[in-house]
Amino acid sequence: MTEPRAERPRVTISDPQVMRALAHPARLAITEHLSSIEAGATATECAEIVGLSPSATSYHLRELAKAGLVEPAPTRGDARERVWRTVSPSWTVEAGRAATPEVVAAERALVEAWLARDLERSREWLRRAPDEPAEWYEASRLADSQLLLTADELRELNEAVDRLLEPYRKRSRADPPPLARTVSVNYKALPLD
């Protein structure tokens, strides 16, 4: 059983080495999985999520640990089993306005890896949507809305969306209804030219 611990606030990643360590599809999937569960997981359990061998997944976990994004968790009673957990359930990337070209390139690589993964999820949904139950097909949504906002209004909107999503987060939802499924909600709020 894992030890209870106070949740760390969102981690801001500004180090280009950490950004590069995370800019890999398997590592993004591993950190997402570990962020969604409180108890942590082994390399074998993570391997099922990312579709790699346990040894390859173990390598990625060690690289994530070197970057400070995951850490060993208390064992579940079997000392031979190595359990991993995230250091924080959420993170954000911020190169900063005065970032060096190295930092900007690392941030771009990480964001592009994240966007590619998200695009593949959308494509996967489109492939399987016709076979989904009608209630899930009708409840799903791909949408784009263009809003007219000031920077302050955009901050308020972002905070309101965060508050709206909070009760449904997989990691902290204690007693979800029996038919609940994991749903990816991708939210971008980016000024257009």
Protein backbone atom coordinates (compact mmCIF):
# COMPACT_ATOMS: atom_id res chain seq x y z
CA MET A 1 0.00 0.00 0.00
CA THR A 2 1.30 3.45 -0.80
CA GLU A 3 1.84 6.09 1.81
CA PRO A 4 -0.60 8.98 1.70
CA ARG A 5 1.06 12.21 0.67
CA ALA A 6 -0.03 15.76 0.19
CA GLU A 7 -0.59 16.57 -3.48
CA ARG A 8 2.02 18.85 -4.92
CA PRO A 9 0.77 21.78 -6.91
CA ARG A 10 1.18 21.87 -10.66
CA VAL A 11 4.85 21.71 -11.62
CA THR A 12 6.13 24.29 -14.08
CA ILE A 13 8.79 22.87 -16.37
CA SER A 14 11.25 25.45 -17.66
CA ASP A 15 14.45 23.38 -17.84
CA PRO A 16 15.22 22.35 -21.45
CA GLN A 17 16.72 19.01 -20.32
CA VAL A 18 13.49 18.12 -18.54
CA MET A 19 11.45 19.20 -21.58
CA ARG A 20 13.59 17.00 -23.86
CA ALA A 21 13.29 14.07 -21.44
CA LEU A 22 9.51 14.32 -21.58
CA ALA A 23 9.25 14.93 -25.36
CA HIS A 24 8.81 11.25 -26.21
CA PRO A 25 5.46 9.54 -26.90
CA ALA A 26 6.07 6.71 -24.40
CA ARG A 27 7.17 9.11 -21.66
CA LEU A 28 4.17 11.34 -22.22
CA ALA A 29 1.90 8.29 -21.96
CA ILE A 30 3.67 7.04 -18.83
CA THR A 31 3.46 10.38 -17.03
CA GLU A 32 -0.17 10.77 -18.05
CA HIS A 33 -0.99 7.31 -16.70
CA LEU A 34 0.89 7.85 -13.44
CA SER A 35 -0.74 11.27 -13.05
CA SER A 36 -4.18 9.70 -13.32
CA ILE A 37 -3.68 7.18 -10.51
CA GLU A 38 -2.63 7.85 -6.97
CA ALA A 39 -1.20 4.45 -6.07
CA GLY A 40 1.51 4.41 -8.73
CA ALA A 41 2.36 1.59 -11.11
CA THR A 42 5.15 -0.80 -11.99
CA ALA A 43 7.09 -0.83 -15.26
CA THR A 44 5.09 -3.91 -16.27
CA GLU A 45 1.79 -2.11 -15.63
CA CYS A 46 3.00 0.98 -17.51
CA ALA A 47 4.21 -1.23 -20.37
CA GLU A 48 0.62 -2.34 -20.97
CA ILE A 49 -0.39 1.31 -21.34
CA VAL A 50 2.42 2.34 -23.71
CA GLY A 51 2.68 -0.89 -25.71
CA LEU A 52 6.36 -1.49 -24.97
CA SER A 53 8.24 -4.24 -23.17
CA PRO A 54 8.63 -3.88 -19.40
CA SER A 55 12.40 -3.42 -19.84
CA ALA A 56 11.95 -0.58 -22.37
CA THR A 57 9.33 0.98 -20.12
CA SER A 58 11.67 0.65 -17.15
CA TYR A 59 14.30 2.59 -19.11
CA HIS A 60 11.80 5.40 -19.80
CA LEU A 61 10.78 5.47 -16.13
CA ARG A 62 14.43 5.84 -15.07
CA GLU A 63 14.90 8.70 -17.56
CA LEU A 64 11.77 10.39 -16.20
CA ALA A 65 13.15 9.93 -12.67
CA LYS A 66 16.47 11.54 -13.69
CA ALA A 67 14.44 14.49 -14.97
CA GLY A 68 12.59 14.73 -11.64
CA LEU A 69 9.16 13.91 -13.06
CA VAL A 70 8.59 10.51 -11.43
CA GLU A 71 9.90 8.88 -8.27
CA PRO A 72 9.89 5.47 -6.64
CA ALA A 73 6.73 4.89 -4.63
CA PRO A 74 6.47 2.74 -1.51
CA THR A 75 6.22 -0.96 -2.32
CA ARG A 76 2.91 -2.78 -2.19
CA GLY A 77 4.30 -5.46 0.10
CA ASP A 78 6.49 -7.26 -2.43
CA ALA A 79 9.96 -5.74 -2.12
CA ARG A 80 10.93 -7.17 -5.53
CA GLU A 81 8.30 -5.02 -7.23
CA ARG A 82 9.35 -1.44 -8.04
CA VAL A 83 6.43 0.98 -8.01
CA TRP A 84 6.64 4.45 -9.57
CA ARG A 85 4.54 7.58 -9.09
CA THR A 86 4.56 11.11 -10.43
CA VAL A 87 5.99 13.89 -8.34
CA SER A 88 2.93 15.98 -9.20
CA PRO A 89 -0.41 15.12 -10.80
CA SER A 90 -0.09 17.95 -13.34
CA TRP A 91 2.53 20.04 -15.05
CA THR A 92 2.82 22.95 -17.41
CA VAL A 93 5.62 24.04 -19.71
CA GLU A 94 6.88 27.58 -19.66
CA ALA A 95 9.97 28.65 -21.55
CA GLY A 96 9.46 32.29 -20.65
CA ARG A 97 9.51 35.32 -22.89
CA ALA A 98 13.29 35.79 -22.54
CA ALA A 99 14.13 32.13 -23.16
CA THR A 100 17.27 31.09 -24.98
CA PRO A 101 16.95 29.41 -28.39
CA GLU A 102 17.80 26.08 -26.69
CA VAL A 103 14.88 26.44 -24.28
CA VAL A 104 12.49 27.54 -27.04
CA ALA A 105 13.51 24.52 -29.17
CA ALA A 106 13.03 22.12 -26.25
CA GLU A 107 9.62 23.61 -25.44
CA ARG A 108 8.57 23.35 -29.09
CA ALA A 109 9.68 19.69 -29.27
CA LEU A 110 7.71 18.81 -26.15
CA VAL A 111 4.55 20.65 -27.18
CA GLU A 112 4.71 19.16 -30.67
CA ALA A 113 5.04 15.63 -29.20
CA TRP A 114 2.04 16.33 -26.97
CA LEU A 115 -0.02 17.72 -29.86
CA ALA A 116 0.87 14.74 -32.08
CA ARG A 117 -0.33 12.36 -29.36
CA ASP A 118 -3.54 14.31 -28.99
CA LEU A 119 -4.13 14.38 -32.74
CA GLU A 120 -3.64 10.59 -32.89
CA ARG A 121 -6.25 10.20 -30.13
CA SER A 122 -8.72 12.23 -32.17
CA ARG A 123 -8.01 10.14 -35.25
CA GLU A 124 -8.41 6.93 -33.25
CA TRP A 125 -11.79 8.18 -32.02
CA LEU A 126 -12.90 8.90 -35.61
CA ARG A 127 -11.87 5.36 -36.65
CA ARG A 128 -13.85 3.68 -33.92
CA ALA A 129 -16.73 6.19 -33.50
CA PRO A 130 -19.18 4.29 -35.75
CA ASP A 131 -18.82 1.22 -33.52
CA GLU A 132 -19.28 3.10 -30.23
CA PRO A 133 -22.58 2.92 -28.35
CA ALA A 134 -24.97 5.67 -29.46
CA GLU A 135 -24.87 7.38 -26.06
CA TRP A 136 -21.07 7.79 -26.25
CA TYR A 137 -21.13 8.78 -29.91
CA GLU A 138 -23.71 11.48 -29.24
CA ALA A 139 -22.00 12.71 -26.05
CA SER A 140 -18.57 13.13 -27.64
CA ARG A 141 -17.57 16.41 -29.17
CA LEU A 142 -14.93 17.91 -31.42
CA ALA A 143 -15.49 21.64 -31.59
CA ASP A 144 -13.77 24.93 -32.20
CA SER A 145 -15.06 28.24 -30.93
CA GLN A 146 -13.57 31.62 -31.67
CA LEU A 147 -14.05 34.09 -28.84
CA LEU A 148 -13.28 37.79 -28.43
CA LEU A 149 -11.46 38.17 -25.11
CA THR A 150 -9.00 40.35 -23.29
CA ALA A 151 -6.01 38.68 -21.62
CA ASP A 152 -7.74 39.06 -18.23
CA GLU A 153 -10.93 37.48 -19.57
CA LEU A 154 -8.90 34.61 -21.01
CA ARG A 155 -7.28 33.99 -17.60
CA GLU A 156 -10.74 34.00 -15.99
CA LEU A 157 -12.05 31.58 -18.61
CA ASN A 158 -9.09 29.23 -18.08
CA GLU A 159 -9.66 29.25 -14.31
CA ALA A 160 -13.38 28.58 -14.77
CA VAL A 161 -12.66 25.61 -17.07
CA ASP A 162 -10.19 24.22 -14.51
CA ARG A 163 -12.84 24.49 -11.77
CA LEU A 164 -15.42 22.82 -14.01
CA LEU A 165 -13.14 19.85 -14.78
CA GLU A 166 -11.79 19.35 -11.25
CA PRO A 167 -14.59 17.14 -9.80
CA TYR A 168 -14.22 14.69 -12.71
CA ARG A 169 -10.44 14.19 -12.66
CA LYS A 170 -9.64 10.49 -12.79
CA ARG A 171 -6.98 10.70 -10.10
CA SER A 172 -9.22 12.23 -7.48
CA ARG A 173 -12.72 10.99 -8.35
CA ALA A 174 -13.38 8.68 -5.44
CA ASP A 175 -16.56 6.93 -6.50
CA PRO A 176 -17.28 7.23 -10.23
CA PRO A 177 -20.55 5.80 -11.57
CA PRO A 178 -20.33 2.21 -12.86
CA LEU A 179 -20.51 3.16 -16.56
CA ALA A 180 -17.87 5.91 -16.35
CA ARG A 181 -15.05 5.77 -18.90
CA THR A 182 -11.78 7.64 -19.13
CA VAL A 183 -12.39 10.64 -21.38
CA SER A 184 -9.71 12.91 -22.81
CA VAL A 185 -10.65 16.57 -22.64
CA ASN A 186 -8.21 18.69 -24.61
CA TYR A 187 -8.47 22.38 -23.99
CA LYS A 188 -6.48 25.00 -25.86
CA ALA A 189 -7.00 28.71 -25.55
CA LEU A 190 -4.59 30.37 -27.97
CA PRO A 191 -4.77 33.85 -29.50
CA LEU A 192 -5.07 33.84 -33.30
CA ASP A 193 -3.48 36.35 -35.66
